[in-house]
Amino acid sequence: MMEPVIQVEALAKTYRVPQREAGLKASLRSLFAPVYQAVEAVHPIDFTIDSGEMVGFIGPNGAGKTTTLKMLSGLLYPTSGTARVAGYIPWERDPAYLARISMVMGNRSQMIWDIPPMDSFRVLSEIYRVPPADFRRNIDELIGLLDMGDLLKKPVRNLSLGERMKCELAAGLLYHPTLLFLDEPTLGLDVSMQRRFRQFLKSYNQRHEVTVILTSHYMADVSELCPRVILIHHGRKLYDGALHTLSETLAPYKLIKVAVNAQSEEGGWLASLRQHAEVIETENGKVTLRVPRADTPAMAAYVLENLPVMDLSVENPPLEAVVDMIYQEGAV
């Protein structure tokens, strides 16, 4: 049995943050007697990830997601704990390890602003010692998958945000890393570009079996790409498991959405519905019911038999609502 590609045990990070009151006296006092506060960004956390997995690493702002990724990529030393990634200790920054990983951040750029992307790609290929034939093959594949052939000769400063993110992703993958850390890669992108990015990442993972850890506040990114999620809050791990199980556990109900014939008398059938299910929304002949999962088939059958139904759908509650419930309660 193969060992996990990522093994994390009791990994933690605490920052010493300077504190001072406002005003000149407080400023002078802080020069000679500085006061620090210990901020635990990541409490001891444990998890393992197998080769080829795509795992969503989610949590609210300040939960410790980016700090954890920076420790795994070798950008930060932990305060305590251990981690082995692809057999290496990340913060030792072994060149062989750095050649196997890539980190793409939606709010950071590795592209050189005043030159075309292709020039930046060539610089990176020299840094990572990619043979010319491999570079040409890799970049041709990425150009095709990302549909970015017309971007390569324009200065980066003239590209849109979506076009720059295409180039950032290509730059992070042109040397074929086996581990990919993605920190808000679709930040600021429109809905169409987000969908195309997700399609690309799914296809690239299937082609090359690259291991991916994805952080994103867009739940569509997580639900479409990551069968498994690790959820942290205030630096503590709250959940590690299948995404669908998280939804079923915390929201043990389904939504039945019904569109009723507009010419029917609303009062009669709506009163009947309220006797059998929780009506959470009504608007222009459309009704949304919240029903326990076990009762959903029977309730759907009742609606079809007793109402002038034009359309009916049964849905899981939105993932955003489930995750927000965890953020509010701070527990799973």
Protein backbone atom coordinates (compact mmCIF):
# COMPACT_ATOMS: atom_id res chain seq x y z
CA MET A 1 0.00 0.00 0.00
CA MET A 2 1.37 3.39 -1.03
CA GLU A 3 2.01 5.99 1.64
CA PRO A 4 0.07 9.28 1.46
CA VAL A 5 1.79 12.00 -0.52
CA ILE A 6 1.03 14.51 2.28
CA GLN A 7 1.29 13.56 5.96
CA VAL A 8 0.63 16.26 8.55
CA GLU A 9 0.90 15.64 12.31
CA ALA A 10 0.13 18.25 14.97
CA LEU A 11 1.21 21.05 12.62
CA ALA A 12 0.75 24.46 14.27
CA LYS A 13 1.70 28.10 13.73
CA THR A 14 1.68 30.92 16.29
CA TYR A 15 2.54 34.53 15.42
CA ARG A 16 3.89 37.18 17.79
CA VAL A 17 1.91 40.28 16.88
CA PRO A 18 3.02 43.69 18.24
CA GLN A 19 0.36 45.57 20.22
CA ARG A 20 0.18 49.25 21.18
CA GLU A 21 -2.35 51.92 21.99
CA ALA A 22 -2.90 54.96 19.80
CA GLY A 23 -0.99 58.20 20.43
CA LEU A 24 2.56 59.53 20.62
CA LYS A 25 3.28 58.33 24.16
CA ALA A 26 2.23 54.79 23.30
CA SER A 27 4.43 54.89 20.20
CA LEU A 28 7.48 55.95 22.20
CA ARG A 29 6.75 53.39 24.91
CA SER A 30 6.52 50.60 22.32
CA LEU A 31 10.07 51.42 21.14
CA PHE A 32 11.57 50.57 24.54
CA ALA A 33 9.07 48.08 25.96
CA PRO A 34 7.24 46.46 23.09
CA VAL A 35 4.23 44.33 23.93
CA TYR A 36 3.38 41.28 21.89
CA GLN A 37 0.32 39.08 21.67
CA ALA A 38 0.51 35.42 20.70
CA VAL A 39 -1.96 34.67 17.90
CA GLU A 40 -2.52 31.00 17.14
CA ALA A 41 -3.15 31.03 13.39
CA VAL A 42 -3.18 27.24 13.17
CA HIS A 43 -3.76 24.95 16.15
CA PRO A 44 -2.24 21.44 15.97
CA ILE A 45 -3.78 19.89 12.87
CA ASP A 46 -3.55 16.37 11.41
CA PHE A 47 -4.47 15.02 7.99
CA THR A 48 -3.18 12.88 5.13
CA ILE A 49 -3.75 13.23 1.38
CA ASP A 50 -3.18 10.51 -1.21
CA SER A 51 -1.56 10.97 -4.59
CA GLY A 52 -3.93 12.34 -7.23
CA GLU A 53 -6.57 13.57 -4.75
CA MET A 54 -8.28 16.93 -5.17
CA VAL A 55 -9.10 18.20 -1.67
CA GLY A 56 -10.98 21.36 -0.75
CA PHE A 57 -9.42 23.22 2.18
CA ILE A 58 -12.17 25.55 3.34
CA GLY A 59 -12.96 27.91 6.17
CA PRO A 60 -13.89 31.56 6.84
CA ASN A 61 -11.44 34.45 6.53
CA GLY A 62 -8.68 34.11 9.11
CA ALA A 63 -9.27 30.39 9.65
CA GLY A 64 -5.63 29.49 8.89
CA LYS A 65 -6.00 28.12 5.36
CA THR A 66 -3.31 30.19 3.67
CA THR A 67 -0.96 29.80 6.65
CA THR A 68 -1.27 26.02 6.38
CA LEU A 69 -0.60 26.08 2.64
CA LYS A 70 2.44 28.30 3.17
CA MET A 71 3.86 25.82 5.68
CA LEU A 72 3.26 22.91 3.30
CA SER A 73 4.90 24.79 0.44
CA GLY A 74 7.91 25.75 2.56
CA LEU A 75 7.21 29.49 2.74
CA LEU A 76 6.71 29.41 6.53
CA TYR A 77 8.31 27.51 9.39
CA PRO A 78 5.78 25.94 11.76
CA THR A 79 5.83 26.67 15.47
CA SER A 80 5.44 22.96 16.19
CA GLY A 81 4.48 19.69 14.57
CA THR A 82 5.70 17.83 11.52
CA ALA A 83 4.81 17.43 7.87
CA ARG A 84 6.18 15.32 5.07
CA VAL A 85 5.16 16.13 1.53
CA ALA A 86 6.27 13.77 -1.23
CA GLY A 87 8.88 12.47 1.21
CA TYR A 88 10.34 15.92 1.97
CA ILE A 89 10.11 18.30 4.93
CA PRO A 90 8.71 21.41 3.20
CA TRP A 91 10.46 24.16 5.20
CA GLU A 92 13.87 22.65 4.48
CA ARG A 93 13.23 23.90 0.92
CA ASP A 94 15.13 21.14 -0.80
CA PRO A 95 15.47 22.11 -4.51
CA ALA A 96 14.17 18.69 -5.50
CA TYR A 97 11.04 19.36 -3.43
CA LEU A 98 10.48 22.84 -4.84
CA ALA A 99 10.64 21.38 -8.34
CA ARG A 100 7.71 19.08 -7.49
CA ILE A 101 5.29 21.67 -6.12
CA SER A 102 3.55 24.79 -7.36
CA MET A 103 1.50 27.39 -5.51
CA VAL A 104 -0.91 29.66 -7.37
CA MET A 105 -2.49 32.49 -5.37
CA GLY A 106 -5.36 34.54 -6.71
CA ASN A 107 -4.03 37.74 -5.09
CA ARG A 108 -0.34 37.30 -5.98
CA SER A 109 1.44 37.33 -9.32
CA GLN A 110 4.59 35.62 -10.50
CA MET A 111 4.37 37.16 -13.97
CA ILE A 112 6.68 40.03 -14.93
CA TRP A 113 4.39 43.02 -15.49
CA ASP A 114 6.02 44.72 -18.50
CA ILE A 115 6.88 41.76 -20.73
CA PRO A 116 4.73 39.20 -22.58
CA PRO A 117 3.81 35.99 -20.73
CA MET A 118 5.93 33.81 -23.01
CA ASP A 119 9.06 35.59 -21.83
CA SER A 120 8.13 34.89 -18.20
CA PHE A 121 7.48 31.25 -19.12
CA ARG A 122 10.95 30.97 -20.63
CA VAL A 123 12.53 32.49 -17.51
CA LEU A 124 10.69 29.97 -15.33
CA SER A 125 11.70 27.10 -17.59
CA GLU A 126 15.34 28.05 -17.04
CA ILE A 127 14.85 28.35 -13.27
CA TYR A 128 13.28 24.88 -13.13
CA ARG A 129 15.67 23.47 -15.73
CA VAL A 130 12.95 22.21 -18.05
CA PRO A 131 14.51 20.70 -21.19
CA PRO A 132 13.57 22.68 -24.34
CA ALA A 133 11.60 19.79 -25.85
CA ASP A 134 9.64 19.27 -22.63
CA PHE A 135 9.01 23.01 -22.31
CA ARG A 136 7.60 23.19 -25.83
CA ARG A 137 5.40 20.16 -25.28
CA ASN A 138 4.16 21.37 -21.88
CA ILE A 139 3.43 24.91 -22.99
CA ASP A 140 1.63 23.71 -26.13
CA GLU A 141 -0.62 21.51 -23.96
CA LEU A 142 -1.38 24.38 -21.56
CA ILE A 143 -2.06 26.82 -24.41
CA GLY A 144 -4.56 24.36 -25.86
CA LEU A 145 -6.29 23.54 -22.57
CA LEU A 146 -6.51 27.17 -21.44
CA ASP A 147 -7.22 28.66 -24.89
CA MET A 148 -4.55 31.33 -24.41
CA GLY A 149 -2.74 31.39 -27.76
CA ASP A 150 -3.60 35.04 -28.44
CA LEU A 151 -2.28 36.22 -25.04
CA LEU A 152 1.35 35.20 -25.29
CA LYS A 153 2.69 38.29 -27.07
CA LYS A 154 0.86 40.98 -25.09
CA PRO A 155 2.49 42.68 -22.08
CA VAL A 156 1.02 41.28 -18.88
CA ARG A 157 -0.15 44.75 -17.80
CA ASN A 158 -2.51 44.82 -20.80
CA LEU A 159 -4.26 41.56 -19.92
CA SER A 160 -7.57 41.30 -18.09
CA LEU A 161 -7.73 39.62 -14.68
CA GLY A 162 -9.06 36.40 -16.21
CA GLU A 163 -6.34 36.40 -18.86
CA ARG A 164 -3.65 36.99 -16.24
CA MET A 165 -4.95 34.11 -14.13
CA LYS A 166 -4.72 31.82 -17.15
CA CYS A 167 -1.07 32.82 -17.46
CA GLU A 168 -0.48 32.38 -13.71
CA LEU A 169 -1.86 28.86 -13.87
CA ALA A 170 0.21 28.04 -16.95
CA ALA A 171 3.33 29.40 -15.22
CA GLY A 172 2.64 27.20 -12.21
CA LEU A 173 2.23 24.06 -14.31
CA LEU A 174 4.75 24.37 -17.14
CA TYR A 175 7.34 22.23 -15.30
CA HIS A 176 4.73 19.54 -14.46
CA PRO A 177 4.66 19.70 -10.65
CA THR A 178 3.10 16.70 -8.93
CA LEU A 179 1.54 18.82 -6.15
CA LEU A 180 -0.51 21.94 -6.74
CA PHE A 181 -1.53 24.35 -3.97
CA LEU A 182 -4.31 26.68 -5.15
CA ASP A 183 -5.21 29.62 -2.91
CA GLU A 184 -8.34 31.41 -4.19
CA PRO A 185 -7.40 30.85 -7.87
CA THR A 186 -10.77 32.17 -9.16
CA LEU A 187 -10.76 35.31 -6.99
CA GLY A 188 -12.37 38.19 -8.90
CA LEU A 189 -13.17 36.17 -12.02
CA ASP A 190 -16.57 36.29 -13.67
CA VAL A 191 -18.88 33.26 -13.64
CA SER A 192 -17.92 32.13 -17.15
CA MET A 193 -14.18 32.29 -16.46
CA GLN A 194 -14.62 30.47 -13.13
CA ARG A 195 -16.40 27.62 -14.94
CA ARG A 196 -13.66 27.36 -17.57
CA PHE A 197 -10.98 27.29 -14.86
CA ARG A 198 -12.78 24.45 -13.11
CA GLN A 199 -13.07 22.50 -16.35
CA PHE A 200 -9.36 22.96 -16.98
CA LEU A 201 -8.31 21.86 -13.48
CA LYS A 202 -10.51 18.77 -13.63
CA SER A 203 -9.12 17.81 -17.03
CA TYR A 204 -5.51 18.46 -15.97
CA ASN A 205 -5.93 16.35 -12.83
CA GLN A 206 -7.31 13.46 -14.89
CA ARG A 207 -4.46 13.68 -17.38
CA HIS A 208 -1.55 13.95 -14.96
CA GLU A 209 -2.92 12.74 -11.58
CA VAL A 210 -1.56 15.86 -9.91
CA THR A 211 -2.44 16.19 -6.21
CA VAL A 212 -4.40 19.40 -5.54
CA ILE A 213 -5.25 21.30 -2.37
CA LEU A 214 -7.75 24.05 -3.17
CA THR A 215 -8.87 26.92 -0.95
CA SER A 216 -11.79 28.98 -2.22
CA HIS A 217 -14.71 30.99 -0.90
CA TYR A 218 -16.63 30.06 -4.05
CA MET A 219 -18.40 26.85 -3.08
CA ALA A 220 -18.97 26.04 -6.75
CA ASP A 221 -15.18 25.56 -7.07
CA VAL A 222 -15.17 23.12 -4.18
CA SER A 223 -18.32 21.19 -5.06
CA GLU A 224 -17.31 20.64 -8.70
CA LEU A 225 -13.66 19.74 -8.09
CA CYS A 226 -13.25 18.26 -4.62
CA PRO A 227 -15.00 15.06 -3.48
CA ARG A 228 -13.31 15.54 -0.11
CA VAL A 229 -13.05 18.64 2.07
CA ILE A 230 -11.06 19.62 5.12
CA LEU A 231 -12.84 22.38 7.04
CA ILE A 232 -11.01 24.53 9.57
CA HIS A 233 -12.28 27.35 11.77
CA HIS A 234 -10.18 29.54 14.09
CA GLY A 235 -7.20 27.39 13.15
CA ARG A 236 -8.85 24.14 14.27
CA LYS A 237 -9.90 21.25 12.06
CA LEU A 238 -13.66 20.72 12.33
CA TYR A 239 -14.26 18.19 9.56
CA ASP A 240 -12.33 15.94 7.19
CA GLY A 241 -14.33 13.74 4.85
CA ALA A 242 -16.65 13.47 1.89
CA LEU A 243 -18.37 16.67 0.83
CA HIS A 244 -21.76 15.01 0.32
CA THR A 245 -21.61 13.51 3.84
CA LEU A 246 -21.04 16.97 5.32
CA SER A 247 -24.19 18.25 3.63
CA GLU A 248 -26.30 15.24 4.60
CA THR A 249 -25.16 15.38 8.24
CA LEU A 250 -25.70 19.07 8.87
CA ALA A 251 -28.72 19.61 6.64
CA PRO A 252 -30.85 16.44 6.99
CA TYR A 253 -33.51 17.83 4.67
CA LYS A 254 -34.15 18.45 0.99
CA LEU A 255 -35.83 21.29 -0.85
CA ILE A 256 -38.83 20.57 -3.06
CA LYS A 257 -39.41 23.43 -5.50
CA VAL A 258 -42.84 23.47 -7.14
CA ALA A 259 -44.23 25.67 -9.91
CA VAL A 260 -48.03 25.63 -9.88
CA ASN A 261 -50.51 26.53 -12.65
CA ALA A 262 -50.88 30.30 -12.39
CA GLN A 263 -54.65 30.12 -12.96
CA SER A 264 -55.28 27.90 -9.93
CA GLU A 265 -56.58 29.30 -6.65
CA GLU A 266 -53.52 29.79 -4.46
CA GLY A 267 -55.26 29.83 -1.10
CA GLY A 268 -56.58 26.26 -1.20
CA TRP A 269 -53.49 24.35 -2.29
CA LEU A 270 -51.11 26.52 -0.27
CA ALA A 271 -53.08 25.89 2.92
CA SER A 272 -52.99 22.17 2.13
CA LEU A 273 -49.23 22.27 1.68
CA ARG A 274 -48.69 24.02 5.01
CA GLN A 275 -50.43 21.13 6.74
CA HIS A 276 -47.93 18.62 5.32
CA ALA A 277 -44.60 20.44 4.98
CA GLU A 278 -42.62 23.52 5.96
CA VAL A 279 -43.18 26.23 3.35
CA ILE A 280 -40.12 28.47 3.32
CA GLU A 281 -40.80 30.59 0.25
CA THR A 282 -43.72 31.48 -2.04
CA GLU A 283 -43.58 33.78 -5.05
CA ASN A 284 -45.71 34.03 -8.21
CA GLY A 285 -47.02 30.50 -8.08
CA LYS A 286 -43.65 29.02 -7.07
CA VAL A 287 -43.26 27.34 -3.70
CA THR A 288 -40.20 25.97 -1.89
CA LEU A 289 -40.72 23.29 0.74
CA ARG A 290 -38.23 22.03 3.32
CA VAL A 291 -38.75 18.32 3.91
CA PRO A 292 -36.81 15.72 5.96
CA ARG A 293 -34.77 13.53 3.61
CA ALA A 294 -36.64 10.35 4.58
CA ASP A 295 -40.00 12.00 3.81
CA THR A 296 -39.00 13.50 0.47
CA PRO A 297 -40.35 10.74 -1.86
CA ALA A 298 -43.73 10.66 -0.12
CA MET A 299 -44.02 14.45 -0.11
CA ALA A 300 -43.11 14.72 -3.80
CA ALA A 301 -45.78 12.11 -4.61
CA TYR A 302 -48.36 14.00 -2.53
CA VAL A 303 -47.60 17.26 -4.34
CA LEU A 304 -47.91 15.65 -7.77
CA GLU A 305 -51.22 14.00 -6.88
CA ASN A 306 -52.91 16.97 -5.20
CA LEU A 307 -51.58 20.16 -6.83
CA PRO A 308 -51.83 21.55 -10.39
CA VAL A 309 -48.08 21.13 -10.85
CA MET A 310 -46.34 22.69 -13.84
CA ASP A 311 -42.81 21.81 -12.71
CA LEU A 312 -41.18 20.10 -9.73
CA SER A 313 -37.57 19.64 -8.65
CA VAL A 314 -35.94 18.06 -5.60
CA GLU A 315 -32.64 19.61 -4.52
CA ASN A 316 -30.10 19.45 -1.74
CA PRO A 317 -29.77 22.67 0.28
CA PRO A 318 -27.14 25.03 -1.13
CA LEU A 319 -23.63 24.16 0.02
CA GLU A 320 -23.13 27.80 0.99
CA ALA A 321 -25.96 27.50 3.52
CA VAL A 322 -24.46 24.35 5.04
CA VAL A 323 -20.98 25.86 5.35
CA ASP A 324 -22.36 29.11 6.74
CA MET A 325 -24.15 27.08 9.42
CA ILE A 326 -20.79 25.62 10.47
CA TYR A 327 -19.12 29.04 10.47
CA GLN A 328 -21.87 30.47 12.67
CA GLU A 329 -21.88 27.59 15.15
CA GLY A 330 -18.13 26.90 15.07
CA ALA A 331 -18.72 23.14 15.15
CA VAL A 332 -19.81 20.21 13.01
